[in-house]
C-alpha cells in the first residue's frame, strides 16, 4: 500500500492523445526559449501539468479566474507560441 501511495506522489506528465513524446519535445523547446523555473533547477518538471499551469499564468494565457484554452490543446500551444514568439 505504501508503494502505491508513494508512486502516486510523483508529478504527472501531460499526455495529449498519445503524443507524449511530441509534447515533451515541444515543452523542452518552449522551456529553452522561455524558462518557467529560476534557472537554478528550481521549478516544476518541464512538461508536467504543474509546468504547463505555471507557464500559462506567467504568459497571461488565462484570465484571473483561470479561464483559457485547455492545457495542451492546439489552441493553447498556439497561444504559447504567439506569446513567446515562435
N, C-alpha and C. Protein backbone atom coordinates (compact mmCIF):
# COMPACT_ATOMS: atom_id res chain seq x y z
N UNK A 1 0.82 -1.19 0.00
CA UNK A 1 0.00 0.00 0.00
C UNK A 1 0.86 1.26 0.00
N UNK A 2 1.94 1.25 0.77
CA UNK A 2 2.81 2.42 0.84
C UNK A 2 3.43 2.70 -0.53
N UNK A 3 3.82 1.66 -1.25
CA UNK A 3 4.41 1.86 -2.58
C UNK A 3 3.43 2.53 -3.52
N UNK A 4 2.17 2.18 -3.41
CA UNK A 4 1.16 2.81 -4.26
C UNK A 4 1.00 4.28 -3.92
N UNK A 5 1.04 4.59 -2.65
CA UNK A 5 0.91 5.98 -2.22
C UNK A 5 2.11 6.77 -2.72
N UNK A 6 3.31 6.24 -2.54
CA UNK A 6 4.50 6.95 -2.98
C UNK A 6 4.53 7.10 -4.49
N UNK A 7 4.14 6.06 -5.21
CA UNK A 7 4.12 6.15 -6.66
C UNK A 7 3.12 7.20 -7.11
N UNK A 8 2.04 7.36 -6.37
CA UNK A 8 1.04 8.36 -6.71
C UNK A 8 1.48 9.78 -6.40
N UNK A 9 2.58 9.94 -5.68
CA UNK A 9 3.06 11.27 -5.32
C UNK A 9 3.90 11.91 -6.42
N UNK A 10 4.31 11.13 -7.41
CA UNK A 10 5.12 11.68 -8.49
C UNK A 10 4.34 12.69 -9.29
N UNK A 11 5.03 13.58 -9.91
CA UNK A 11 4.39 14.63 -10.68
C UNK A 11 3.89 14.07 -12.01
N UNK A 12 2.66 14.31 -12.33
CA UNK A 12 2.07 13.78 -13.56
C UNK A 12 2.60 14.54 -14.77
N UNK A 13 2.77 13.83 -15.86
CA UNK A 13 3.17 14.43 -17.13
C UNK A 13 1.93 14.61 -17.98
N UNK A 14 1.88 15.66 -18.72
CA UNK A 14 0.76 15.89 -19.62
C UNK A 14 0.87 14.90 -20.77
N UNK A 15 -0.21 14.20 -21.06
CA UNK A 15 -0.25 13.25 -22.17
C UNK A 15 -1.47 13.55 -23.00
N UNK A 16 -1.29 14.12 -24.14
CA UNK A 16 -2.40 14.51 -25.00
C UNK A 16 -2.49 13.57 -26.19
N UNK A 17 -3.53 12.74 -26.22
CA UNK A 17 -3.84 11.85 -27.34
C UNK A 17 -2.67 11.00 -27.79
N UNK A 18 -1.93 10.41 -26.86
CA UNK A 18 -0.84 9.53 -27.22
C UNK A 18 0.36 10.23 -27.83
N UNK A 19 0.46 11.52 -27.66
CA UNK A 19 1.56 12.29 -28.25
C UNK A 19 2.54 12.75 -27.18
N UNK A 20 2.78 11.90 -26.19
CA UNK A 20 3.64 12.30 -25.07
C UNK A 20 5.04 12.70 -25.52
N UNK A 21 5.62 11.97 -26.48
CA UNK A 21 6.97 12.31 -26.94
C UNK A 21 6.98 13.67 -27.64
N UNK A 22 5.96 13.93 -28.44
CA UNK A 22 5.88 15.23 -29.12
C UNK A 22 5.68 16.34 -28.10
N UNK A 23 4.84 16.08 -27.10
CA UNK A 23 4.60 17.08 -26.05
C UNK A 23 5.90 17.39 -25.32
N UNK A 24 6.64 16.33 -24.92
CA UNK A 24 7.89 16.53 -24.19
C UNK A 24 8.89 17.34 -25.02
N UNK A 25 9.01 17.02 -26.28
CA UNK A 25 9.93 17.75 -27.16
C UNK A 25 9.50 19.20 -27.28
N UNK A 26 8.22 19.43 -27.48
CA UNK A 26 7.70 20.78 -27.60
C UNK A 26 7.94 21.55 -26.30
N UNK A 27 7.64 20.93 -25.17
CA UNK A 27 7.80 21.58 -23.87
C UNK A 27 9.25 21.95 -23.61
N UNK A 28 10.18 21.06 -23.94
CA UNK A 28 11.61 21.37 -23.76
C UNK A 28 12.02 22.56 -24.63
N UNK A 29 11.49 22.63 -25.85
CA UNK A 29 11.78 23.77 -26.73
C UNK A 29 11.25 25.07 -26.17
N UNK A 30 10.04 25.02 -25.62
CA UNK A 30 9.45 26.22 -25.01
C UNK A 30 10.28 26.63 -23.80
N UNK A 31 10.62 25.68 -22.96
CA UNK A 31 11.40 25.98 -21.75
C UNK A 31 12.76 26.59 -22.10
N UNK A 32 13.35 26.14 -23.21
CA UNK A 32 14.65 26.69 -23.63
C UNK A 32 14.52 28.16 -24.03
N UNK A 33 13.37 28.52 -24.59
CA UNK A 33 13.15 29.90 -25.04
C UNK A 33 12.53 30.77 -23.96
N UNK A 34 11.73 30.16 -23.08
CA UNK A 34 11.00 30.92 -22.07
C UNK A 34 10.95 30.10 -20.77
N UNK A 35 12.01 30.15 -19.97
CA UNK A 35 12.09 29.31 -18.77
C UNK A 35 11.00 29.64 -17.75
N UNK A 36 10.43 28.60 -17.19
CA UNK A 36 9.44 28.75 -16.13
C UNK A 36 10.13 28.74 -14.78
N UNK A 37 11.18 27.95 -14.64
CA UNK A 37 11.93 27.87 -13.39
C UNK A 37 12.82 29.08 -13.19
N UNK A 38 13.66 29.00 -12.20
CA UNK A 38 14.53 30.13 -11.86
C UNK A 38 15.94 30.00 -12.44
N UNK A 39 16.16 29.00 -13.29
CA UNK A 39 17.47 28.82 -13.88
C UNK A 39 18.46 28.08 -13.00
N UNK A 40 18.06 27.75 -11.79
CA UNK A 40 18.93 27.04 -10.86
C UNK A 40 18.35 25.68 -10.49
N UNK A 41 17.47 25.18 -11.34
CA UNK A 41 16.89 23.87 -11.09
C UNK A 41 15.67 23.88 -10.19
N UNK A 42 15.20 25.06 -9.84
CA UNK A 42 14.01 25.17 -9.00
C UNK A 42 12.82 25.46 -9.90
N UNK A 43 11.81 24.70 -9.73
CA UNK A 43 10.61 24.89 -10.52
C UNK A 43 10.04 23.54 -10.91
N UNK A 44 8.91 23.57 -11.57
CA UNK A 44 8.25 22.31 -11.93
C UNK A 44 9.02 21.58 -13.02
N UNK A 45 8.80 20.26 -13.10
CA UNK A 45 9.40 19.46 -14.16
C UNK A 45 8.84 19.90 -15.50
N UNK A 46 9.73 20.13 -16.45
CA UNK A 46 9.31 20.58 -17.78
C UNK A 46 8.37 19.55 -18.39
N UNK A 47 7.23 20.04 -18.87
CA UNK A 47 6.23 19.18 -19.49
C UNK A 47 5.16 18.66 -18.56
N UNK A 48 5.35 18.86 -17.25
CA UNK A 48 4.35 18.38 -16.29
C UNK A 48 3.13 19.30 -16.30
N UNK A 49 2.05 18.82 -15.69
CA UNK A 49 0.86 19.67 -15.55
C UNK A 49 1.20 20.94 -14.79
N UNK A 50 1.99 20.80 -13.74
CA UNK A 50 2.38 21.97 -12.94
C UNK A 50 3.15 22.97 -13.79
N UNK A 51 4.05 22.49 -14.62
CA UNK A 51 4.83 23.36 -15.51
C UNK A 51 3.89 24.09 -16.47
N UNK A 52 2.96 23.37 -17.07
CA UNK A 52 2.04 23.97 -18.04
C UNK A 52 1.17 25.03 -17.37
N UNK A 53 0.69 24.75 -16.16
CA UNK A 53 -0.12 25.75 -15.45
C UNK A 53 0.71 26.99 -15.13
N UNK A 54 1.95 26.79 -14.66
CA UNK A 54 2.82 27.93 -14.36
C UNK A 54 3.11 28.74 -15.61
N UNK A 55 3.35 28.05 -16.72
CA UNK A 55 3.64 28.73 -17.98
C UNK A 55 2.45 29.57 -18.42
N UNK A 56 1.25 29.01 -18.36
CA UNK A 56 0.09 29.77 -18.84
C UNK A 56 -0.17 31.00 -17.98
N UNK A 57 0.08 30.90 -16.66
CA UNK A 57 -0.10 32.07 -15.79
C UNK A 57 0.99 33.10 -16.07
N UNK A 58 2.21 32.63 -16.24
CA UNK A 58 3.33 33.54 -16.49
C UNK A 58 3.15 34.30 -17.80
N UNK A 59 2.59 33.63 -18.81
CA UNK A 59 2.37 34.25 -20.11
C UNK A 59 1.07 35.02 -20.21
N UNK A 60 0.19 34.84 -19.25
CA UNK A 60 -1.10 35.53 -19.29
C UNK A 60 -2.08 34.92 -20.28
N UNK A 61 -1.98 33.62 -20.50
CA UNK A 61 -2.88 32.94 -21.42
C UNK A 61 -4.25 32.72 -20.78
N UNK A 62 -4.31 32.72 -19.46
CA UNK A 62 -5.57 32.56 -18.75
C UNK A 62 -5.90 33.86 -18.03
N UNK A 63 -7.20 34.05 -17.76
CA UNK A 63 -7.60 35.24 -17.03
C UNK A 63 -7.43 35.03 -15.52
N UNK A 64 -7.80 36.00 -14.75
CA UNK A 64 -7.63 35.94 -13.31
C UNK A 64 -8.35 34.80 -12.63
N UNK A 65 -9.36 34.24 -13.30
CA UNK A 65 -10.10 33.11 -12.74
C UNK A 65 -9.64 31.78 -13.32
N UNK A 66 -8.60 31.81 -14.15
CA UNK A 66 -8.06 30.58 -14.70
C UNK A 66 -8.74 30.10 -15.97
N UNK A 67 -9.56 30.96 -16.58
CA UNK A 67 -10.24 30.58 -17.81
C UNK A 67 -9.34 30.83 -19.02
N UNK A 68 -9.29 29.85 -19.89
CA UNK A 68 -8.49 29.96 -21.10
C UNK A 68 -8.55 28.64 -21.84
N UNK A 69 -7.75 28.51 -22.87
CA UNK A 69 -7.74 27.25 -23.63
C UNK A 69 -7.31 26.08 -22.75
N UNK A 70 -7.78 24.89 -23.10
CA UNK A 70 -7.39 23.67 -22.38
C UNK A 70 -5.89 23.45 -22.53
N UNK A 71 -5.22 23.17 -21.41
CA UNK A 71 -3.78 22.93 -21.43
C UNK A 71 -3.46 21.80 -22.40
N UNK A 72 -2.50 22.05 -23.26
CA UNK A 72 -2.04 21.05 -24.21
C UNK A 72 -2.79 21.04 -25.52
N UNK A 73 -3.92 21.73 -25.60
CA UNK A 73 -4.70 21.76 -26.84
C UNK A 73 -3.95 22.55 -27.90
N UNK A 74 -4.35 22.38 -29.15
CA UNK A 74 -3.72 23.13 -30.25
C UNK A 74 -3.88 24.63 -30.03
N UNK A 75 -5.05 25.04 -29.52
CA UNK A 75 -5.28 26.46 -29.24
C UNK A 75 -4.33 26.96 -28.15
N UNK A 76 -4.13 26.15 -27.11
CA UNK A 76 -3.25 26.52 -26.01
C UNK A 76 -1.81 26.64 -26.49
N UNK A 77 -1.36 25.63 -27.25
CA UNK A 77 0.01 25.67 -27.78
C UNK A 77 0.20 26.88 -28.69
N UNK A 78 -0.80 27.18 -29.51
CA UNK A 78 -0.71 28.35 -30.38
C UNK A 78 -0.59 29.63 -29.58
N UNK A 79 -1.34 29.73 -28.48
CA UNK A 79 -1.27 30.92 -27.62
C UNK A 79 0.11 31.05 -26.99
N UNK A 80 0.68 29.92 -26.57
CA UNK A 80 2.03 29.93 -26.00
C UNK A 80 3.03 30.40 -27.06
N UNK A 81 2.96 29.81 -28.25
CA UNK A 81 3.89 30.17 -29.33
C UNK A 81 3.77 31.66 -29.68
N UNK A 82 2.54 32.16 -29.71
CA UNK A 82 2.31 33.57 -30.03
C UNK A 82 2.95 34.46 -28.97
N UNK A 83 2.79 34.10 -27.72
CA UNK A 83 3.33 34.91 -26.62
C UNK A 83 4.85 34.91 -26.57
N UNK A 84 5.47 33.76 -26.84
CA UNK A 84 6.93 33.68 -26.72
C UNK A 84 7.63 33.97 -28.04
N UNK A 85 6.86 34.07 -29.13
CA UNK A 85 7.45 34.38 -30.43
C UNK A 85 8.16 33.17 -31.01
N UNK A 86 7.42 32.39 -31.76
CA UNK A 86 7.96 31.15 -32.33
C UNK A 86 9.14 31.41 -33.23
